[in-house]
C-alpha atoms as a PDB file:
ATOM      1  CA  MET A   1      63.427 147.785 145.492  1.00  0.00           C
ATOM      2  CA  PRO A   2      65.910 150.243 143.957  1.00  0.00           C
ATOM      3  CA  ILE A   3      68.318 148.697 141.451  1.00  0.00           C
ATOM      4  CA  GLU A   4      71.354 149.729 143.500  1.00  0.00           C
ATOM      5  CA  ASP A   5      70.163 147.453 146.313  1.00  0.00           C
ATOM      6  CA  SER A   6      70.626 144.402 144.100  1.00  0.00           C
ATOM      7  CA  CYS A   7      73.928 145.446 142.486  1.00  0.00           C
ATOM      8  CA  ASN A   8      77.316 144.232 143.612  1.00  0.00           C
ATOM      9  CA  ARG A   9      79.213 147.442 144.307  1.00  0.00           C
ATOM     10  CA  GLU A  10      82.618 145.968 145.050  1.00  0.00           C
ATOM     11  CA  ALA A  11      84.614 144.295 142.332  1.00  0.00           C
ATOM     12  CA  VAL A  12      86.092 140.874 142.958  1.00  0.00           C
ATOM     13  CA  ILE A  13      89.768 141.022 142.002  1.00  0.00           C
ATOM     14  CA  LEU A  14      92.674 138.659 141.462  1.00  0.00           C
ATOM     15  CA  GLN A  15      96.249 139.087 140.362  1.00  0.00           C
ATOM     16  CA  ARG A  16      97.601 137.606 137.109  1.00  0.00           C
ATOM     17  CA  ASP A  17      99.383 134.775 138.922  1.00  0.00           C
ATOM     18  CA  ASN A  18      96.263 133.439 140.678  1.00  0.00           C
ATOM     19  CA  THR A  19      95.035 130.110 139.308  1.00  0.00           C
ATOM     20  CA  VAL A  20      91.761 129.708 137.476  1.00  0.00           C
ATOM     21  CA  LEU A  21      90.669 127.414 140.306  1.00  0.00           C
ATOM     22  CA  GLU A  22      91.065 130.356 142.695  1.00  0.00           C
ATOM     23  CA  ALA A  23      89.050 132.485 140.266  1.00  0.00           C
ATOM     24  CA  ALA A  24      86.243 129.918 140.153  1.00  0.00           C
ATOM     25  CA  LYS A  25      86.159 129.657 143.950  1.00  0.00           C
ATOM     26  CA  LEU A  26      85.976 133.454 144.306  1.00  0.00           C
ATOM     27  CA  MET A  27      83.164 133.653 141.748  1.00  0.00           C
ATOM     28  CA  ARG A  28      81.222 131.051 143.693  1.00  0.00           C
ATOM     29  CA  ARG A  29      81.882 132.634 147.096  1.00  0.00           C
ATOM     30  CA  HIS A  30      80.834 136.103 145.913  1.00  0.00           C
ATOM     31  CA  GLN A  31      78.113 134.852 143.531  1.00  0.00           C
ATOM     32  CA  VAL A  32      79.521 136.764 140.563  1.00  0.00           C
ATOM     33  CA  ARG A  33      80.078 135.773 136.946  1.00  0.00           C
ATOM     34  CA  ASP A  34      83.402 137.534 136.484  1.00  0.00           C
ATOM     35  CA  VAL A  35      86.500 138.779 138.279  1.00  0.00           C
ATOM     36  CA  GLN A  36      88.795 141.659 137.455  1.00  0.00           C
ATOM     37  CA  VAL A  37      92.465 140.874 137.012  1.00  0.00           C
ATOM     38  CA  ILE A  38      95.026 143.368 138.264  1.00  0.00           C
ATOM     39  CA  GLU A  39      98.785 143.698 138.305  1.00  0.00           C
ATOM     40  CA  ASN A  40     101.259 145.917 140.102  1.00  0.00           C
ATOM     41  CA  ARG A  41     102.885 148.475 137.806  1.00  0.00           C
ATOM     42  CA  ASP A  42     105.301 150.828 139.507  1.00  0.00           C
ATOM     43  CA  GLY A  43     103.517 150.466 142.832  1.00  0.00           C
ATOM     44  CA  LYS A  44     100.036 151.005 141.384  1.00  0.00           C
ATOM     45  CA  MET A  45      97.427 148.298 140.991  1.00  0.00           C
ATOM     46  CA  ILE A  46      96.221 148.419 137.385  1.00  0.00           C
ATOM     47  CA  ALA A  47      93.278 146.491 135.928  1.00  0.00           C
ATOM     48  CA  VAL A  48      94.546 144.369 133.034  1.00  0.00           C
ATOM     49  CA  GLY A  49      91.503 142.266 132.183  1.00  0.00           C
ATOM     50  CA  VAL A  50      88.380 140.396 133.177  1.00  0.00           C
ATOM     51  CA  ILE A  51      87.832 136.651 133.473  1.00  0.00           C
ATOM     52  CA  THR A  52      84.274 135.366 133.129  1.00  0.00           C
ATOM     53  CA  ASP A  53      82.632 132.099 134.058  1.00  0.00           C
ATOM     54  CA  HIS A  54      82.266 131.505 130.308  1.00  0.00           C
ATOM     55  CA  ASP A  55      86.055 131.856 129.893  1.00  0.00           C
ATOM     56  CA  LEU A  56      86.594 129.186 132.529  1.00  0.00           C
ATOM     57  CA  VAL A  57      84.220 126.745 130.868  1.00  0.00           C
ATOM     58  CA  VAL A  58      85.336 127.289 127.264  1.00  0.00           C
ATOM     59  CA  GLU A  59      89.077 127.854 127.771  1.00  0.00           C
ATOM     60  CA  ILE A  60      89.808 125.515 130.712  1.00  0.00           C
ATOM     61  CA  MET A  61      87.101 122.958 131.450  1.00  0.00           C
ATOM     62  CA  ALA A  62      86.104 121.963 127.900  1.00  0.00           C
ATOM     63  CA  PRO A  63      89.682 121.209 126.773  1.00  0.00           C
ATOM     64  CA  GLU A  64      90.284 119.559 130.178  1.00  0.00           C
ATOM     65  CA  LEU A  65      93.232 121.748 131.180  1.00  0.00           C
ATOM     66  CA  ASP A  66      94.623 121.732 134.716  1.00  0.00           C
ATOM     67  CA  CYS A  67      92.764 124.448 136.632  1.00  0.00           C
ATOM     68  CA  MET A  68      95.328 124.273 139.426  1.00  0.00           C
ATOM     69  CA  VAL A  69      98.177 125.226 137.065  1.00  0.00           C
ATOM     70  CA  ILE A  70      96.660 127.625 134.521  1.00  0.00           C
ATOM     71  CA  THR A  71      96.605 131.216 135.778  1.00  0.00           C
ATOM     72  CA  VAL A  72      94.114 133.958 135.081  1.00  0.00           C
ATOM     73  CA  GLY A  73      96.997 135.770 133.387  1.00  0.00           C
ATOM     74  CA  ASP A  74      97.281 132.876 130.934  1.00  0.00           C
ATOM     75  CA  ILE A  75      93.647 133.352 129.919  1.00  0.00           C
ATOM     76  CA  ILE A  76      94.040 137.108 129.552  1.00  0.00           C
ATOM     77  CA  ASP A  77      97.058 136.552 127.319  1.00  0.00           C
ATOM     78  CA  LEU A  78      94.923 134.278 125.098  1.00  0.00           C
ATOM     79  CA  HIS A  79      92.357 137.068 124.648  1.00  0.00           C
ATOM     80  CA  MET A  80      95.000 139.649 123.765  1.00  0.00           C
ATOM     81  CA  VAL A  81      96.411 137.656 120.850  1.00  0.00           C
END
């Protein structure tokens, strides 16, 4: 089987204001380990980061934060500091 047959060709995307719970549900639904985060800048959708399943476990689940309140943008901001 060619490698391209097993690759996910379409990125799974969220906006900065989506919750990490929404990110986790999308990862599960699409069977991926990360999602791209985008934001609208002057009418253009720009990629601003990536959230991984590891980020969710280490940054949200382990410290027992509220996954229904924390946004993917909050996690990206943590990585940028």
